[in-house]
N, C-alpha and C. Protein backbone atom coordinates (compact mmCIF):
# COMPACT_ATOMS: atom_id res chain seq x y z
N UNK A 1 -6.78 52.25 77.11
CA UNK A 1 -7.73 51.20 75.80
C UNK A 1 -6.77 50.28 76.29
N UNK A 2 -7.29 48.71 76.37
CA UNK A 2 -6.41 47.62 76.91
C UNK A 2 -7.37 46.63 75.67
N UNK A 3 -6.12 45.99 75.37
CA UNK A 3 -6.25 45.04 74.23
C UNK A 3 -5.86 43.70 74.86
N UNK A 4 -6.23 42.79 74.28
CA UNK A 4 -6.07 41.12 74.40
C UNK A 4 -4.71 41.23 74.73
N UNK A 5 -3.89 40.13 75.78
CA UNK A 5 -2.75 39.82 75.83
C UNK A 5 -2.53 38.52 74.83
N UNK A 6 -1.30 38.55 74.13
CA UNK A 6 -1.07 37.51 73.34
C UNK A 6 -0.38 36.52 73.98
N UNK A 7 -0.52 35.47 74.95
CA UNK A 7 0.35 35.06 75.86
C UNK A 7 1.42 34.00 75.50
N UNK A 8 0.84 33.52 74.09
CA UNK A 8 1.77 32.74 73.14
C UNK A 8 3.19 33.58 72.81
N UNK A 9 2.86 34.78 72.53
CA UNK A 9 3.86 35.73 72.06
C UNK A 9 4.60 36.13 73.38
N UNK A 10 3.96 36.67 74.24
CA UNK A 10 4.58 36.87 75.40
C UNK A 10 5.51 35.83 76.20
N UNK A 11 5.08 34.50 76.14
CA UNK A 11 6.20 33.34 76.70
C UNK A 11 7.07 33.31 75.67
N UNK A 12 7.05 33.59 74.43
CA UNK A 12 8.00 33.53 73.63
C UNK A 12 9.27 34.45 73.74
N UNK A 13 8.98 35.68 74.09
CA UNK A 13 9.50 36.54 74.23
C UNK A 13 10.23 36.47 75.73
N UNK A 14 9.83 36.15 76.52
CA UNK A 14 10.07 36.11 78.02
C UNK A 14 11.32 34.63 77.73
N UNK A 15 11.20 33.93 76.77
CA UNK A 15 11.92 32.62 76.63
C UNK A 15 13.04 32.84 75.68
N UNK A 16 13.08 34.07 75.36
CA UNK A 16 14.30 34.75 74.41
C UNK A 16 14.84 35.37 75.54
N UNK A 17 14.37 36.44 76.11
CA UNK A 17 15.05 36.78 77.42
C UNK A 17 15.47 36.01 78.16
N UNK A 18 15.45 34.74 78.45
CA UNK A 18 16.27 34.22 79.55
C UNK A 18 17.21 33.06 79.00
N UNK A 19 16.68 32.63 77.89
CA UNK A 19 17.93 31.75 76.96
C UNK A 19 18.41 32.41 76.15
N UNK A 20 18.46 33.33 75.68
CA UNK A 20 19.20 33.80 74.60
C UNK A 20 18.55 33.45 73.33
N UNK A 21 18.96 34.43 72.38
CA UNK A 21 18.40 33.56 71.00
C UNK A 21 19.68 33.55 70.26
N UNK A 22 19.50 33.12 68.92
CA UNK A 22 20.72 33.06 68.08
C UNK A 22 20.50 33.02 66.38
N UNK A 23 20.84 33.81 65.95
CA UNK A 23 20.28 33.94 64.44
C UNK A 23 20.68 32.72 63.57
N UNK A 24 20.12 32.00 62.89
CA UNK A 24 20.22 30.51 62.22
C UNK A 24 21.24 30.99 61.35
N UNK A 25 21.37 31.92 60.23
CA UNK A 25 22.30 32.06 59.45
C UNK A 25 23.35 32.31 60.09
N UNK A 26 24.11 32.60 61.41
CA UNK A 26 25.05 33.12 61.78
C UNK A 26 25.82 31.95 62.57
N UNK A 27 24.82 30.89 63.07
CA UNK A 27 25.41 30.04 63.91
C UNK A 27 26.14 29.07 62.71
N UNK A 28 27.36 28.46 63.77
CA UNK A 28 28.16 27.84 63.06
C UNK A 28 27.54 26.10 63.40
N UNK A 29 26.92 25.75 62.29
CA UNK A 29 26.32 24.24 62.20
C UNK A 29 26.99 23.35 61.17
N UNK A 30 27.75 22.45 61.94
CA UNK A 30 28.58 21.92 61.16
C UNK A 30 28.16 20.92 59.77
N UNK A 31 28.56 20.92 58.69
CA UNK A 31 28.09 20.25 57.74
C UNK A 31 26.63 21.18 56.93
N UNK A 32 25.35 20.90 56.43
CA UNK A 32 24.67 21.66 56.09
C UNK A 32 23.47 20.84 56.84
N UNK A 33 22.49 21.96 56.27
CA UNK A 33 21.14 21.47 56.54
C UNK A 33 20.91 20.44 55.48
N UNK A 34 20.15 19.08 55.93
CA UNK A 34 19.91 17.91 55.42
C UNK A 34 18.37 18.45 55.01
N UNK A 35 18.28 17.19 53.65
CA UNK A 35 16.89 17.33 53.05
C UNK A 35 16.47 16.05 53.53
N UNK A 36 14.68 16.22 53.93
CA UNK A 36 14.25 14.70 54.17
C UNK A 36 14.69 13.77 53.29
N UNK A 37 14.64 12.35 53.44
CA UNK A 37 15.07 11.36 52.58
C UNK A 37 13.66 11.31 51.70
N UNK A 38 14.22 11.00 50.30
CA UNK A 38 12.94 10.94 49.27
C UNK A 38 11.74 9.89 49.98
N UNK A 39 10.64 9.97 49.70
CA UNK A 39 9.73 9.03 50.22
C UNK A 39 9.66 7.36 49.18
N UNK A 40 10.05 6.08 49.63
CA UNK A 40 10.22 5.17 48.54
C UNK A 40 8.84 5.05 48.13
N UNK A 41 8.75 4.57 46.89
CA UNK A 41 8.12 4.44 45.81
C UNK A 41 7.16 3.43 46.26
N UNK A 42 5.90 3.10 45.53
CA UNK A 42 5.30 1.83 46.14
C UNK A 42 5.51 0.78 45.58
N UNK A 43 6.34 0.43 44.17
CA UNK A 43 7.02 -0.22 43.29
C UNK A 43 7.89 -1.04 44.31
N UNK A 44 8.72 -0.07 44.62
CA UNK A 44 10.24 -0.70 45.68
C UNK A 44 9.49 -1.19 46.98
N UNK A 45 8.89 -0.80 47.56
CA UNK A 45 8.12 -1.38 48.80
C UNK A 45 7.61 -2.69 48.42
N UNK A 46 6.97 -2.82 47.24
CA UNK A 46 6.08 -3.98 46.73
C UNK A 46 7.41 -5.12 46.56
N UNK A 47 8.26 -4.68 45.78
CA UNK A 47 9.49 -5.53 45.41
C UNK A 47 10.29 -6.19 46.35
N UNK A 48 10.55 -5.31 47.61
CA UNK A 48 11.15 -5.77 49.11
C UNK A 48 10.06 -6.44 49.72
N UNK A 49 8.79 -6.57 49.76
CA UNK A 49 8.15 -7.25 50.63
C UNK A 49 7.72 -8.76 49.58
N UNK A 50 8.13 -8.62 48.61
CA UNK A 50 7.86 -9.70 47.70
C UNK A 50 9.19 -10.36 48.24
N UNK A 51 10.28 -9.80 48.03
CA UNK A 51 11.42 -10.58 48.63
C UNK A 51 11.47 -10.98 49.58
N UNK A 52 11.23 -10.56 50.56
CA UNK A 52 11.12 -10.99 52.31
C UNK A 52 10.35 -12.34 52.18
N UNK A 53 9.37 -12.02 51.78
CA UNK A 53 8.04 -13.08 51.94
C UNK A 53 8.92 -14.55 51.08
N UNK A 54 9.38 -14.30 49.72
CA UNK A 54 10.31 -15.27 49.19
C UNK A 54 11.31 -15.79 49.76
N UNK A 55 11.91 -15.11 50.84
CA UNK A 55 13.39 -15.52 51.37
C UNK A 55 12.82 -16.68 52.72
N UNK A 56 11.27 -16.38 53.33
CA UNK A 56 10.72 -17.12 54.12
C UNK A 56 9.83 -18.21 53.50
N UNK A 57 9.45 -18.62 52.50
CA UNK A 57 8.71 -19.62 51.54
C UNK A 57 9.37 -20.70 51.48
N UNK A 58 8.76 -21.68 52.10
CA UNK A 58 9.11 -22.64 52.18
C UNK A 58 8.13 -24.23 51.29
N UNK A 59 8.67 -25.26 50.76
CA UNK A 59 7.65 -26.25 50.45
C UNK A 59 7.65 -27.20 51.52
N UNK A 60 6.55 -27.71 51.94
CA UNK A 60 6.23 -28.71 52.62
C UNK A 60 5.68 -29.81 52.45
N UNK A 61 6.07 -31.12 52.54
CA UNK A 61 5.64 -32.10 52.06
C UNK A 61 5.06 -33.29 53.15
N UNK A 62 4.02 -33.69 53.40
CA UNK A 62 3.95 -34.86 54.16
C UNK A 62 4.41 -36.30 53.74
N UNK A 63 5.29 -36.80 54.35
CA UNK A 63 5.88 -38.09 54.26
C UNK A 63 4.76 -39.36 53.51
N UNK A 64 3.54 -39.14 54.31
CA UNK A 64 2.71 -40.36 54.62
C UNK A 64 1.82 -40.07 53.54
N UNK A 65 1.37 -39.11 53.22
CA UNK A 65 0.16 -38.82 52.22
C UNK A 65 0.46 -38.17 51.34
N UNK A 66 1.81 -37.69 51.28
CA UNK A 66 2.06 -36.81 49.89
C UNK A 66 1.71 -35.48 49.98
N UNK A 67 0.57 -35.01 50.71
CA UNK A 67 -0.06 -33.63 50.67
C UNK A 67 1.16 -32.74 50.80
N UNK A 68 1.01 -31.79 49.80
CA UNK A 68 2.07 -30.42 49.77
C UNK A 68 2.00 -29.09 49.61
N UNK A 69 2.70 -28.21 50.59
CA UNK A 69 2.04 -27.02 50.35
C UNK A 69 3.09 -26.29 50.58
N UNK A 70 2.63 -24.38 50.26
CA UNK A 70 4.06 -23.75 50.29
C UNK A 70 3.50 -22.94 51.58
N UNK A 71 4.43 -22.64 52.49
CA UNK A 71 4.44 -22.37 53.81
C UNK A 71 5.36 -21.06 54.07
N UNK A 72 4.90 -19.84 54.73
CA UNK A 72 5.80 -19.07 55.29
C UNK A 72 6.45 -19.33 56.55
N UNK A 73 7.46 -19.70 56.07
CA UNK A 73 8.22 -20.52 57.64
C UNK A 73 9.39 -19.84 57.69
N UNK A 74 9.38 -18.92 59.04
CA UNK A 74 10.84 -18.09 59.12
C UNK A 74 11.88 -19.28 59.52
N UNK A 75 13.10 -19.01 59.23
CA UNK A 75 14.49 -19.63 59.17
C UNK A 75 14.55 -20.27 61.30
N UNK A 76 14.19 -19.31 61.95
CA UNK A 76 14.20 -19.73 63.27
C UNK A 76 13.19 -21.45 63.70
N UNK A 77 12.20 -21.51 62.71
CA UNK A 77 11.47 -22.37 63.24
C UNK A 77 11.83 -23.76 61.86
N UNK A 78 12.66 -23.80 61.18
CA UNK A 78 13.06 -24.66 60.16
C UNK A 78 13.07 -26.28 61.03
N UNK A 79 13.56 -25.86 62.20
CA UNK A 79 14.17 -27.22 62.66
C UNK A 79 13.02 -28.04 63.54
N UNK A 80 12.18 -27.37 63.67
CA UNK A 80 11.04 -28.06 64.45
C UNK A 80 10.30 -28.95 63.48
N UNK A 81 9.22 -29.95 64.17
CA UNK A 81 8.51 -30.64 63.84
C UNK A 81 7.29 -30.05 63.19
N UNK A 82 6.80 -30.12 61.88
CA UNK A 82 5.48 -29.87 61.27
C UNK A 82 4.69 -30.94 61.26
N UNK A 83 3.37 -30.76 61.20
CA UNK A 83 2.39 -31.53 61.23
C UNK A 83 1.65 -31.32 59.86
N UNK A 84 1.20 -32.24 59.21
CA UNK A 84 0.07 -31.95 57.89
C UNK A 84 -0.90 -31.86 58.38
N UNK A 85 -1.67 -30.87 57.52
CA UNK A 85 -3.36 -30.45 57.80
C UNK A 85 -4.25 -31.69 57.52
N UNK A 86 -3.49 -32.38 56.79
CA UNK A 86 -4.58 -33.53 55.97
C UNK A 86 -4.53 -34.67 57.26
N UNK A 87 -3.47 -35.39 57.21
CA UNK A 87 -3.65 -36.55 57.91
C UNK A 87 -2.87 -36.07 59.71
N UNK A 88 -2.24 -35.35 59.74
CA UNK A 88 -1.82 -35.31 61.16
C UNK A 88 -0.19 -35.49 61.41
N UNK A 89 -0.06 -36.25 60.34
CA UNK A 89 1.73 -36.89 60.53
C UNK A 89 2.40 -35.80 60.44
N UNK A 90 3.84 -36.33 60.76
CA UNK A 90 4.75 -35.35 60.65
C UNK A 90 5.23 -35.03 59.23
N UNK A 91 5.50 -33.87 58.68
CA UNK A 91 5.97 -33.55 57.50
C UNK A 91 7.01 -32.76 57.55
N UNK A 92 8.11 -32.86 56.29
CA UNK A 92 9.03 -32.55 56.03
C UNK A 92 9.60 -31.21 55.23
N UNK A 93 10.35 -30.35 55.31
CA UNK A 93 10.73 -29.38 54.13
C UNK A 93 11.48 -30.19 53.32
N UNK A 94 10.77 -29.82 52.00
CA UNK A 94 11.54 -30.51 50.74
C UNK A 94 12.28 -29.51 50.56
N UNK A 95 12.04 -28.63 49.86
CA UNK A 95 13.04 -27.57 49.18
C UNK A 95 12.39 -26.15 49.54
N UNK A 96 13.58 -25.43 48.89
CA UNK A 96 13.02 -23.61 49.34
C UNK A 96 12.64 -23.61 47.88
N UNK A 97 11.71 -22.30 47.74
CA UNK A 97 11.49 -22.08 46.53
C UNK A 97 12.03 -20.87 46.31
């Protein structure tokens, strides 16, 4: 009587025969087994996101028409000339929020 061959088990046995096997409990692993990091809470993620947005938010004010807006502007773009969305003239960074 023949049974179906379990190729997954056969490959596993062949791999153990060719590479050898070691018991995990007897292996001398430095340190210990580390547990995975705890998943961050949504509140801490929201707090980090709001802090990151606050770090790049600047108050821009047009020098000619007086229009002002809060813009998320990274520090790399601080030295560039910005245009007012209302009149098209050059606007400047007034202060950081």
